[in-house]
Amino acid sequence: MTGKQATPLASRMQRAVRKAEAEARAETGQDTGTGQTIIKLTRHQPPLRSLVESGKIGSVELQAAEEISLAVSAISARGTLSAVLIERIDRGKSDQDWPAHIALAVRNYQRWQVHWSNEWKRTRNPMLSVIWDAVIDERPIAVIAEDHSFSRHIARLAIILGLRHYAARAGLITGNQARAWLDDVQRVAFKTVVLTRS
């Protein structure tokens, strides 16, 4: 047989560690730590950053994430301030407290959140929780995947498609692209649990 022998896993890992150390030294000009630490830190960065750096998401998805973050911040602050000032809470029906762009973000987010809450009740689809973990909590993709018991690939795909679904529903993108993004979210196959009542 005249073929290349497979490189043992330990050798490949050692080569990756040395390569990470060399690249870090070349970029900074100083010792930045062990290669294993460098690899670990790059693996556990916020999910949106890793998706942008790998070219998986673009400006529309980032705009959707910003709008989600803005809406959650506004809703959280309003609830806290309302409780402190002992005001009557109107369940988010009034947009008079916020500037127009924040009110629009809150309305878009609430509609999207109701959609995925209903999906959770119906099919146990954890999309809302995955997007919350990625955008609000900024948990690494590996942790999100582990918490929801699916692969990193599915976690990445769920984040991408969830942001695109939000963008399409919020009107950040229109036309055929919006319809395609709304349909794409159906591709994600989550592990579902059927509950029966006796």
N, C-alpha and C. Protein backbone atom coordinates (compact mmCIF):
# COMPACT_ATOMS: atom_id res chain seq x y z
N MET A 1 0.83 -1.17 0.00
CA MET A 1 0.00 0.00 0.00
C MET A 1 0.88 1.24 0.00
N THR A 2 0.59 2.10 -0.92
CA THR A 2 1.33 3.35 -0.99
C THR A 2 0.37 4.49 -0.65
N GLY A 3 0.14 4.67 0.54
CA GLY A 3 -0.76 5.73 0.98
C GLY A 3 -0.20 6.42 2.20
N LYS A 4 -0.76 7.50 2.46
CA LYS A 4 -0.34 8.27 3.62
C LYS A 4 -0.99 7.68 4.86
N GLN A 5 -0.18 7.45 5.89
CA GLN A 5 -0.73 6.91 7.12
C GLN A 5 -1.46 8.00 7.88
N ALA A 6 -2.50 7.61 8.59
CA ALA A 6 -3.27 8.56 9.39
C ALA A 6 -2.42 9.04 10.56
N THR A 7 -2.45 10.32 10.81
CA THR A 7 -1.71 10.91 11.92
C THR A 7 -2.48 10.66 13.20
N PRO A 8 -1.80 10.18 14.23
CA PRO A 8 -2.49 9.94 15.49
C PRO A 8 -3.11 11.24 16.04
N LEU A 9 -4.19 11.08 16.79
CA LEU A 9 -4.90 12.22 17.35
C LEU A 9 -4.00 13.07 18.25
N ALA A 10 -3.18 12.44 19.06
CA ALA A 10 -2.29 13.19 19.96
C ALA A 10 -1.33 14.09 19.18
N SER A 11 -0.82 13.60 18.07
CA SER A 11 0.09 14.40 17.24
C SER A 11 -0.63 15.59 16.61
N ARG A 12 -1.86 15.37 16.13
CA ARG A 12 -2.63 16.46 15.54
C ARG A 12 -2.96 17.52 16.58
N MET A 13 -3.32 17.07 17.79
CA MET A 13 -3.62 18.02 18.86
C MET A 13 -2.38 18.84 19.24
N GLN A 14 -1.24 18.18 19.35
CA GLN A 14 0.00 18.87 19.71
C GLN A 14 0.37 19.88 18.63
N ARG A 15 0.17 19.52 17.38
CA ARG A 15 0.46 20.43 16.27
C ARG A 15 -0.46 21.65 16.33
N ALA A 16 -1.75 21.44 16.63
CA ALA A 16 -2.70 22.55 16.75
C ALA A 16 -2.32 23.49 17.89
N VAL A 17 -1.86 22.92 19.00
CA VAL A 17 -1.44 23.73 20.15
C VAL A 17 -0.23 24.57 19.79
N ARG A 18 0.78 23.97 19.16
CA ARG A 18 1.99 24.72 18.77
C ARG A 18 1.67 25.79 17.74
N LYS A 19 0.75 25.50 16.82
CA LYS A 19 0.35 26.48 15.80
C LYS A 19 -0.35 27.67 16.46
N ALA A 20 -1.22 27.41 17.42
CA ALA A 20 -1.93 28.50 18.12
C ALA A 20 -0.94 29.37 18.89
N GLU A 21 0.04 28.76 19.54
CA GLU A 21 1.05 29.53 20.26
C GLU A 21 1.86 30.40 19.31
N ALA A 22 2.27 29.83 18.18
CA ALA A 22 3.07 30.59 17.21
C ALA A 22 2.29 31.75 16.63
N GLU A 23 1.02 31.53 16.28
CA GLU A 23 0.19 32.62 15.74
C GLU A 23 -0.01 33.73 16.77
N ALA A 24 -0.24 33.37 18.02
CA ALA A 24 -0.44 34.37 19.07
C ALA A 24 0.83 35.18 19.30
N ARG A 25 2.00 34.51 19.29
CA ARG A 25 3.26 35.24 19.45
C ARG A 25 3.52 36.18 18.28
N ALA A 26 3.16 35.74 17.07
CA ALA A 26 3.38 36.58 15.88
C ALA A 26 2.47 37.80 15.91
N GLU A 27 1.23 37.66 16.40
CA GLU A 27 0.29 38.78 16.45
C GLU A 27 0.64 39.79 17.51
N THR A 28 1.01 39.33 18.70
CA THR A 28 1.22 40.24 19.83
C THR A 28 2.69 40.54 20.11
N GLY A 29 3.58 39.69 19.68
CA GLY A 29 5.00 39.89 19.94
C GLY A 29 5.41 39.50 21.35
N GLN A 30 4.53 38.87 22.08
CA GLN A 30 4.86 38.43 23.43
C GLN A 30 4.20 37.09 23.73
N ASP A 31 4.57 36.51 24.85
CA ASP A 31 3.99 35.23 25.23
C ASP A 31 2.57 35.46 25.74
N THR A 32 1.61 34.83 25.11
CA THR A 32 0.21 35.06 25.48
C THR A 32 -0.39 33.90 26.26
N GLY A 33 0.38 32.91 26.58
CA GLY A 33 -0.13 31.76 27.33
C GLY A 33 0.09 30.49 26.55
N THR A 34 -0.35 29.40 27.13
CA THR A 34 -0.17 28.12 26.46
C THR A 34 -1.13 27.99 25.28
N GLY A 35 -0.78 27.17 24.35
CA GLY A 35 -1.63 26.95 23.19
C GLY A 35 -2.98 26.38 23.56
N GLN A 36 -2.99 25.52 24.60
CA GLN A 36 -4.26 24.94 25.04
C GLN A 36 -5.19 26.03 25.57
N THR A 37 -4.65 26.99 26.30
CA THR A 37 -5.46 28.09 26.82
C THR A 37 -5.99 28.95 25.68
N ILE A 38 -5.15 29.22 24.70
CA ILE A 38 -5.55 30.04 23.55
C ILE A 38 -6.69 29.36 22.79
N ILE A 39 -6.54 28.05 22.55
CA ILE A 39 -7.58 27.30 21.85
C ILE A 39 -8.87 27.30 22.66
N LYS A 40 -8.76 27.12 23.98
CA LYS A 40 -9.94 27.10 24.84
C LYS A 40 -10.66 28.45 24.82
N LEU A 41 -9.90 29.54 24.88
CA LEU A 41 -10.51 30.87 24.89
C LEU A 41 -11.20 31.18 23.56
N THR A 42 -10.59 30.78 22.45
CA THR A 42 -11.25 31.04 21.17
C THR A 42 -12.48 30.17 20.99
N ARG A 43 -12.48 29.02 21.62
CA ARG A 43 -13.64 28.14 21.52
C ARG A 43 -14.81 28.63 22.37
N HIS A 44 -14.52 29.36 23.45
CA HIS A 44 -15.55 29.80 24.38
C HIS A 44 -15.80 31.30 24.30
N GLN A 45 -15.81 31.84 23.11
CA GLN A 45 -16.14 33.24 22.93
C GLN A 45 -17.63 33.40 22.70
N PRO A 46 -18.16 34.62 22.82
CA PRO A 46 -19.60 34.81 22.60
C PRO A 46 -20.01 34.28 21.22
N PRO A 47 -21.20 33.67 21.15
CA PRO A 47 -21.59 32.99 19.91
C PRO A 47 -21.72 33.91 18.71
N LEU A 48 -22.22 35.12 18.89
CA LEU A 48 -22.38 36.01 17.74
C LEU A 48 -21.02 36.38 17.16
N ARG A 49 -20.05 36.58 18.03
CA ARG A 49 -18.71 36.91 17.54
C ARG A 49 -18.13 35.77 16.71
N SER A 50 -18.26 34.55 17.22
CA SER A 50 -17.70 33.42 16.46
C SER A 50 -18.44 33.22 15.14
N LEU A 51 -19.75 33.48 15.11
CA LEU A 51 -20.50 33.32 13.86
C LEU A 51 -20.15 34.42 12.85
N VAL A 52 -19.90 35.63 13.34
CA VAL A 52 -19.49 36.72 12.45
C VAL A 52 -18.10 36.43 11.89
N GLU A 53 -17.17 36.03 12.76
CA GLU A 53 -15.80 35.75 12.32
C GLU A 53 -15.73 34.61 11.33
N SER A 54 -16.64 33.64 11.46
CA SER A 54 -16.62 32.52 10.52
C SER A 54 -17.44 32.81 9.26
N GLY A 55 -18.06 33.99 9.20
CA GLY A 55 -18.82 34.37 8.01
C GLY A 55 -20.20 33.73 7.92
N LYS A 56 -20.70 33.19 9.00
CA LYS A 56 -22.01 32.51 8.98
C LYS A 56 -23.17 33.49 9.06
N ILE A 57 -22.97 34.64 9.71
CA ILE A 57 -24.03 35.65 9.80
C ILE A 57 -23.48 36.99 9.32
N GLY A 58 -24.40 37.85 8.90
CA GLY A 58 -24.02 39.16 8.39
C GLY A 58 -24.71 40.28 9.14
N SER A 59 -24.83 41.40 8.47
CA SER A 59 -25.34 42.60 9.12
C SER A 59 -26.82 42.49 9.49
N VAL A 60 -27.62 41.81 8.70
CA VAL A 60 -29.05 41.68 9.00
C VAL A 60 -29.25 40.87 10.28
N GLU A 61 -28.52 39.78 10.41
CA GLU A 61 -28.63 38.96 11.62
C GLU A 61 -28.14 39.73 12.84
N LEU A 62 -27.06 40.50 12.68
CA LEU A 62 -26.57 41.32 13.79
C LEU A 62 -27.58 42.40 14.17
N GLN A 63 -28.25 42.97 13.16
CA GLN A 63 -29.28 43.97 13.44
C GLN A 63 -30.44 43.32 14.21
N ALA A 64 -30.79 42.10 13.86
CA ALA A 64 -31.84 41.38 14.58
C ALA A 64 -31.42 41.15 16.04
N ALA A 65 -30.17 40.75 16.24
CA ALA A 65 -29.67 40.53 17.60
C ALA A 65 -29.68 41.83 18.40
N GLU A 66 -29.28 42.92 17.76
CA GLU A 66 -29.30 44.23 18.44
C GLU A 66 -30.72 44.62 18.83
N GLU A 67 -31.67 44.37 17.94
CA GLU A 67 -33.06 44.73 18.23
C GLU A 67 -33.61 43.87 19.36
N ILE A 68 -33.27 42.60 19.40
CA ILE A 68 -33.70 41.73 20.49
C ILE A 68 -33.12 42.24 21.80
N SER A 69 -31.84 42.54 21.79
CA SER A 69 -31.17 43.04 22.99
C SER A 69 -31.78 44.36 23.47
N LEU A 70 -32.06 45.26 22.53
CA LEU A 70 -32.67 46.54 22.86
C LEU A 70 -34.05 46.35 23.48
N ALA A 71 -34.85 45.47 22.90
CA ALA A 71 -36.21 45.23 23.40
C ALA A 71 -36.16 44.62 24.81
N VAL A 72 -35.30 43.64 25.02
CA VAL A 72 -35.21 43.01 26.34
C VAL A 72 -34.73 44.01 27.38
N SER A 73 -33.77 44.84 27.02
CA SER A 73 -33.29 45.87 27.95
C SER A 73 -34.40 46.85 28.30
N ALA A 74 -35.15 47.29 27.29
CA ALA A 74 -36.23 48.25 27.53
C ALA A 74 -37.33 47.64 28.40
N ILE A 75 -37.70 46.41 28.11
CA ILE A 75 -38.74 45.75 28.90
C ILE A 75 -38.27 45.54 30.34
N SER A 76 -37.03 45.12 30.51
CA SER A 76 -36.48 44.90 31.85
C SER A 76 -36.41 46.20 32.64
N ALA A 77 -35.92 47.25 32.01
CA ALA A 77 -35.79 48.53 32.70
C ALA A 77 -37.16 49.08 33.06
N ARG A 78 -38.10 48.93 32.17
CA ARG A 78 -39.45 49.45 32.42
C ARG A 78 -40.09 48.72 33.60
N GLY A 79 -39.94 47.42 33.64
CA GLY A 79 -40.49 46.66 34.76
C GLY A 79 -39.87 47.06 36.08
N THR A 80 -38.55 47.24 36.09
CA THR A 80 -37.85 47.64 37.30
C THR A 80 -38.27 49.03 37.74
N LEU A 81 -38.29 49.97 36.79
CA LEU A 81 -38.67 51.33 37.14
C LEU A 81 -40.12 51.41 37.57
N SER A 82 -40.99 50.68 36.92
CA SER A 82 -42.40 50.70 37.29
C SER A 82 -42.59 50.17 38.70
N ALA A 83 -41.85 49.12 39.04
CA ALA A 83 -41.97 48.57 40.39
C ALA A 83 -41.44 49.54 41.43
N VAL A 84 -40.35 50.24 41.11
CA VAL A 84 -39.77 51.19 42.04
C VAL A 84 -40.69 52.38 42.25
N LEU A 85 -41.29 52.86 41.18
CA LEU A 85 -42.15 54.04 41.27
C LEU A 85 -43.59 53.67 41.66
N ILE A 86 -43.85 52.39 41.84
CA ILE A 86 -45.18 51.89 42.20
C ILE A 86 -46.24 52.43 41.24
N GLU A 87 -45.96 52.29 39.96
CA GLU A 87 -46.90 52.69 38.93
C GLU A 87 -47.72 51.48 38.50
N ARG A 88 -48.87 51.76 37.93
CA ARG A 88 -49.70 50.70 37.38
C ARG A 88 -49.02 50.18 36.10
N ILE A 89 -48.84 48.88 36.01
CA ILE A 89 -48.21 48.29 34.83
C ILE A 89 -49.31 47.90 33.85
N ASP A 90 -49.16 48.33 32.59
CA ASP A 90 -50.21 48.10 31.60
C ASP A 90 -49.89 46.93 30.68
N ARG A 91 -49.07 45.99 31.13
CA ARG A 91 -48.75 44.79 30.38
C ARG A 91 -48.14 45.07 29.01
N GLY A 92 -47.41 46.16 28.87
CA GLY A 92 -46.71 46.46 27.63
C GLY A 92 -47.57 46.95 26.50
N LYS A 93 -48.79 47.37 26.76
CA LYS A 93 -49.68 47.82 25.68
C LYS A 93 -49.42 49.27 25.28
N SER A 94 -48.78 50.03 26.12
CA SER A 94 -48.54 51.44 25.83
C SER A 94 -47.09 51.64 25.39
N ASP A 95 -46.92 52.34 24.28
CA ASP A 95 -45.57 52.63 23.78
C ASP A 95 -45.17 54.07 24.08
N GLN A 96 -45.92 54.77 24.92
CA GLN A 96 -45.68 56.19 25.12
C GLN A 96 -44.39 56.47 25.88
N ASP A 97 -43.89 55.50 26.63
CA ASP A 97 -42.70 55.72 27.44
C ASP A 97 -41.42 55.71 26.62
N TRP A 98 -41.43 55.05 25.48
CA TRP A 98 -40.22 54.83 24.72
C TRP A 98 -40.19 55.65 23.44
N PRO A 99 -38.97 55.94 22.97
CA PRO A 99 -38.86 56.51 21.61
C PRO A 99 -39.38 55.50 20.58
N ALA A 100 -39.69 55.97 19.40
CA ALA A 100 -40.34 55.13 18.38
C ALA A 100 -39.53 53.89 18.04
N HIS A 101 -38.20 54.02 17.89
CA HIS A 101 -37.41 52.84 17.50
C HIS A 101 -37.39 51.78 18.60
N ILE A 102 -37.45 52.20 19.86
CA ILE A 102 -37.47 51.22 20.95
C ILE A 102 -38.85 50.57 21.02
N ALA A 103 -39.91 51.37 20.85
CA ALA A 103 -41.27 50.82 20.87
C ALA A 103 -41.45 49.79 19.75
N LEU A 104 -40.90 50.08 18.58
CA LEU A 104 -40.98 49.14 17.46
C LEU A 104 -40.22 47.85 17.78
N ALA A 105 -39.03 47.99 18.36
CA ALA A 105 -38.24 46.81 18.73
C ALA A 105 -38.99 45.96 19.75
N VAL A 106 -39.63 46.61 20.72
CA VAL A 106 -40.38 45.88 21.75
C VAL A 106 -41.56 45.15 21.13
N ARG A 107 -42.31 45.83 20.26
CA ARG A 107 -43.46 45.17 19.60
C ARG A 107 -43.00 43.98 18.76
N ASN A 108 -41.93 44.18 17.98
CA ASN A 108 -41.42 43.08 17.15
C ASN A 108 -40.98 41.90 18.02
N TYR A 109 -40.26 42.20 19.09
CA TYR A 109 -39.76 41.13 19.96
C TYR A 109 -40.92 40.41 20.64
N GLN A 110 -41.90 41.14 21.13
CA GLN A 110 -43.01 40.50 21.82
C GLN A 110 -43.80 39.59 20.89
N ARG A 111 -44.02 40.02 19.65
CA ARG A 111 -44.71 39.16 18.69
C ARG A 111 -43.90 37.90 18.40
N TRP A 112 -42.61 38.07 18.21
CA TRP A 112 -41.72 36.94 17.93
C TRP A 112 -41.66 36.00 19.13
N GLN A 113 -41.58 36.57 20.31
CA GLN A 113 -41.51 35.79 21.54
C GLN A 113 -42.79 34.99 21.76
N VAL A 114 -43.93 35.57 21.48
CA VAL A 114 -45.21 34.85 21.61
C VAL A 114 -45.24 33.68 20.62
N HIS A 115 -44.76 33.91 19.40
CA HIS A 115 -44.73 32.83 18.40
C HIS A 115 -43.93 31.65 18.91
N TRP A 116 -42.70 31.90 19.43
CA TRP A 116 -41.85 30.80 19.86
C TRP A 116 -42.30 30.22 21.20
N SER A 117 -42.98 30.99 22.03
CA SER A 117 -43.56 30.43 23.26
C SER A 117 -44.66 29.44 22.90
N ASN A 118 -45.48 29.80 21.92
CA ASN A 118 -46.52 28.88 21.46
C ASN A 118 -45.92 27.63 20.82
N GLU A 119 -44.84 27.81 20.06
CA GLU A 119 -44.15 26.65 19.47
C GLU A 119 -43.61 25.73 20.56
N TRP A 120 -43.08 26.32 21.62
CA TRP A 120 -42.56 25.52 22.74
C TRP A 120 -43.70 24.70 23.35
N LYS A 121 -44.84 25.33 23.56
CA LYS A 121 -45.97 24.62 24.15
C LYS A 121 -46.46 23.50 23.23
N ARG A 122 -46.43 23.76 21.94
CA ARG A 122 -46.96 22.80 20.98
C ARG A 122 -45.98 21.69 20.65
N THR A 123 -44.71 22.03 20.39
CA THR A 123 -43.76 21.04 19.88
C THR A 123 -42.49 20.89 20.71
N ARG A 124 -42.37 21.66 21.77
CA ARG A 124 -41.15 21.67 22.60
C ARG A 124 -39.92 22.14 21.82
N ASN A 125 -40.12 23.05 20.89
CA ASN A 125 -39.03 23.64 20.12
C ASN A 125 -38.38 24.72 20.98
N PRO A 126 -37.09 24.57 21.35
CA PRO A 126 -36.45 25.50 22.29
C PRO A 126 -35.82 26.74 21.63
N MET A 127 -36.31 27.16 20.47
CA MET A 127 -35.69 28.27 19.74
C MET A 127 -35.58 29.55 20.58
N LEU A 128 -36.63 29.90 21.30
CA LEU A 128 -36.62 31.11 22.11
C LEU A 128 -35.51 31.04 23.16
N SER A 129 -35.37 29.91 23.79
CA SER A 129 -34.33 29.72 24.80
C SER A 129 -32.93 29.77 24.20
N VAL A 130 -32.77 29.19 23.02
CA VAL A 130 -31.46 29.19 22.34
C VAL A 130 -31.06 30.63 21.98
N ILE A 131 -32.00 31.40 21.43
CA ILE A 131 -31.68 32.79 21.07
C ILE A 131 -31.42 33.62 22.31
N TRP A 132 -32.17 33.39 23.38
CA TRP A 132 -31.91 34.11 24.63
C TRP A 132 -30.50 33.81 25.12
N ASP A 133 -30.12 32.53 25.13
CA ASP A 133 -28.78 32.14 25.57
C ASP A 133 -27.70 32.78 24.71
N ALA A 134 -27.92 32.86 23.41
CA ALA A 134 -26.90 33.41 22.51
C ALA A 134 -26.83 34.93 22.55
N VAL A 135 -27.98 35.59 22.51
CA VAL A 135 -27.99 37.06 22.36
C VAL A 135 -27.93 37.78 23.71
N ILE A 136 -28.76 37.36 24.65
CA ILE A 136 -28.84 38.07 25.93
C ILE A 136 -27.75 37.58 26.90
N ASP A 137 -27.66 36.28 27.09
CA ASP A 137 -26.68 35.73 28.04
C ASP A 137 -25.29 35.58 27.44
N GLU A 138 -25.17 35.59 26.11
CA GLU A 138 -23.90 35.44 25.39
C GLU A 138 -23.13 34.19 25.82
N ARG A 139 -23.84 33.10 25.92
CA ARG A 139 -23.22 31.85 26.32
C ARG A 139 -22.54 31.22 25.10
N PRO A 140 -21.41 30.57 25.30
CA PRO A 140 -20.72 29.91 24.17
C PRO A 140 -21.60 28.85 23.52
N ILE A 141 -21.35 28.63 22.24
CA ILE A 141 -22.13 27.67 21.48
C ILE A 141 -22.04 26.27 22.09
N ALA A 142 -20.87 25.89 22.57
CA ALA A 142 -20.71 24.56 23.17
C ALA A 142 -21.59 24.41 24.41
N VAL A 143 -21.71 25.45 25.20
CA VAL A 143 -22.53 25.40 26.41
C VAL A 143 -24.02 25.34 26.04
N ILE A 144 -24.41 26.15 25.04
CA ILE A 144 -25.81 26.12 24.59
C ILE A 144 -26.16 24.72 24.09
N ALA A 145 -25.28 24.14 23.30
CA ALA A 145 -25.53 22.80 22.76
C ALA A 145 -25.64 21.78 23.89
N GLU A 146 -24.77 21.87 24.86
CA GLU A 146 -24.80 20.93 25.98
C GLU A 146 -26.07 21.09 26.81
N ASP A 147 -26.47 22.32 27.08
CA ASP A 147 -27.67 22.57 27.88
C ASP A 147 -28.94 22.06 27.21
N HIS A 148 -28.98 22.13 25.89
CA HIS A 148 -30.18 21.71 25.17
C HIS A 148 -30.05 20.29 24.59
N SER A 149 -28.96 19.64 24.89
CA SER A 149 -28.72 18.24 24.47
C SER A 149 -28.76 18.05 22.96
N PHE A 150 -28.08 18.96 22.23
CA PHE A 150 -27.88 18.69 20.82
C PHE A 150 -26.48 19.11 20.41
N SER A 151 -26.10 18.79 19.17
CA SER A 151 -24.73 19.02 18.72
C SER A 151 -24.44 20.51 18.55
N ARG A 152 -23.15 20.84 18.49
CA ARG A 152 -22.75 22.24 18.25
C ARG A 152 -23.23 22.71 16.89
N HIS A 153 -23.22 21.83 15.92
CA HIS A 153 -23.69 22.18 14.59
C HIS A 153 -25.16 22.60 14.63
N ILE A 154 -25.98 21.85 15.33
CA ILE A 154 -27.40 22.19 15.45
C ILE A 154 -27.56 23.48 16.25
N ALA A 155 -26.75 23.68 17.28
CA ALA A 155 -26.83 24.92 18.07
C ALA A 155 -26.49 26.12 17.19
N ARG A 156 -25.41 26.02 16.40
CA ARG A 156 -25.04 27.10 15.47
C ARG A 156 -26.16 27.38 14.49
N LEU A 157 -26.69 26.32 13.91
CA LEU A 157 -27.76 26.44 12.93
C LEU A 157 -29.01 27.07 13.56
N ALA A 158 -29.32 26.68 14.78
CA ALA A 158 -30.50 27.24 15.46
C ALA A 158 -30.32 28.73 15.72
N ILE A 159 -29.13 29.16 16.11
CA ILE A 159 -28.88 30.58 16.35
C ILE A 159 -29.03 31.36 15.05
N ILE A 160 -28.41 30.87 14.00
CA ILE A 160 -28.47 31.54 12.70
C ILE A 160 -29.90 31.65 12.21
N LEU A 161 -30.61 30.52 12.20
CA LEU A 161 -31.97 30.51 11.68
C LEU A 161 -32.93 31.27 12.59
N GLY A 162 -32.69 31.26 13.89
CA GLY A 162 -33.53 32.02 14.81
C GLY A 162 -33.40 33.52 14.58
N LEU A 163 -32.17 33.99 14.38
CA LEU A 163 -31.96 35.42 14.10
C LEU A 163 -32.56 35.79 12.75
N ARG A 164 -32.42 34.91 11.78
CA ARG A 164 -33.00 35.19 10.46
C ARG A 164 -34.53 35.20 10.51
N HIS A 165 -35.09 34.29 11.29
CA HIS A 165 -36.55 34.25 11.46
C HIS A 165 -37.02 35.55 12.09
N TYR A 166 -36.31 36.02 13.11
CA TYR A 166 -36.67 37.28 13.75
C TYR A 166 -36.59 38.43 12.74
N ALA A 167 -35.51 38.47 11.98
CA ALA A 167 -35.31 39.54 11.00
C ALA A 167 -36.44 39.55 9.97
N ALA A 168 -36.86 38.38 9.52
CA ALA A 168 -37.93 38.31 8.53
C ALA A 168 -39.27 38.73 9.13
N ARG A 169 -39.57 38.29 10.34
CA ARG A 169 -40.84 38.66 10.98
C ARG A 169 -40.87 40.14 11.36
N ALA A 170 -39.71 40.70 11.69
CA ALA A 170 -39.65 42.11 12.11
C ALA A 170 -39.59 43.07 10.92
N GLY A 171 -39.46 42.53 9.72
CA GLY A 171 -39.41 43.38 8.54
C GLY A 171 -38.04 43.97 8.27
N LEU A 172 -37.00 43.40 8.88
CA LEU A 172 -35.63 43.87 8.62
C LEU A 172 -35.18 43.46 7.23
N ILE A 173 -35.84 42.44 6.70
CA ILE A 173 -35.59 41.97 5.35
C ILE A 173 -36.95 41.61 4.76
N THR A 174 -37.12 41.83 3.46
CA THR A 174 -38.43 41.61 2.84
C THR A 174 -38.30 40.78 1.57
N GLY A 175 -39.43 40.49 0.95
CA GLY A 175 -39.44 39.81 -0.34
C GLY A 175 -39.16 38.33 -0.25
N ASN A 176 -38.56 37.81 -1.31
CA ASN A 176 -38.27 36.38 -1.40
C ASN A 176 -37.30 35.92 -0.32
N GLN A 177 -36.34 36.78 0.01
CA GLN A 177 -35.37 36.42 1.06
C GLN A 177 -36.08 36.23 2.39
N ALA A 178 -37.03 37.10 2.71
CA ALA A 178 -37.78 36.96 3.97
C ALA A 178 -38.58 35.66 3.98
N ARG A 179 -39.23 35.34 2.88
CA ARG A 179 -40.01 34.10 2.80
C ARG A 179 -39.09 32.88 2.95
N ALA A 180 -37.93 32.94 2.33
CA ALA A 180 -36.98 31.83 2.42
C ALA A 180 -36.49 31.66 3.86
N TRP A 181 -36.20 32.77 4.54
CA TRP A 181 -35.73 32.69 5.92
C TRP A 181 -36.83 32.18 6.85
N LEU A 182 -38.07 32.54 6.59
CA LEU A 182 -39.17 32.03 7.41
C LEU A 182 -39.34 30.52 7.21
N ASP A 183 -39.12 30.05 5.99
CA ASP A 183 -39.23 28.62 5.70
C ASP A 183 -38.03 27.84 6.22
N ASP A 184 -36.83 28.46 6.20
CA ASP A 184 -35.61 27.77 6.62
C ASP A 184 -35.65 27.33 8.08
N VAL A 185 -36.33 28.07 8.91
CA VAL A 185 -36.35 27.74 10.34
C VAL A 185 -37.02 26.38 10.59
N GLN A 186 -37.84 25.92 9.65
CA GLN A 186 -38.49 24.62 9.80
C GLN A 186 -37.50 23.47 9.60
N ARG A 187 -36.30 23.76 9.06
CA ARG A 187 -35.30 22.71 8.81
C ARG A 187 -34.66 22.18 10.08
N VAL A 188 -34.62 22.98 11.13
CA VAL A 188 -33.92 22.57 12.34
C VAL A 188 -34.73 21.49 13.04
N ALA A 189 -34.12 20.34 13.19
CA ALA A 189 -34.80 19.21 13.83
C ALA A 189 -34.33 19.11 15.28
N PHE A 190 -35.13 19.60 16.19
CA PHE A 190 -34.81 19.48 17.61
C PHE A 190 -35.38 18.18 18.14
N LYS A 191 -34.75 17.72 19.20
CA LYS A 191 -35.28 16.56 19.89
C LYS A 191 -36.57 17.00 20.57
N THR A 192 -37.66 16.36 20.26
CA THR A 192 -38.94 16.76 20.85
C THR A 192 -39.43 15.71 21.82
N VAL A 193 -40.12 16.17 22.83
CA VAL A 193 -40.68 15.29 23.84
C VAL A 193 -42.19 15.49 23.80
N VAL A 194 -42.91 14.42 23.67
CA VAL A 194 -44.36 14.51 23.65
C VAL A 194 -44.87 14.19 25.05
N LEU A 195 -45.61 15.12 25.61
CA LEU A 195 -46.17 14.92 26.94
C LEU A 195 -47.60 14.43 26.80
N THR A 196 -47.93 13.43 27.56
CA THR A 196 -49.31 12.94 27.55
C THR A 196 -49.89 13.18 28.92
N ARG A 197 -51.16 13.46 28.93
CA ARG A 197 -51.84 13.68 30.21
C ARG A 197 -52.80 12.53 30.43
N SER A 198 -52.80 12.03 31.66
CA SER A 198 -53.72 10.94 31.94
C SER A 198 -54.86 11.37 32.82
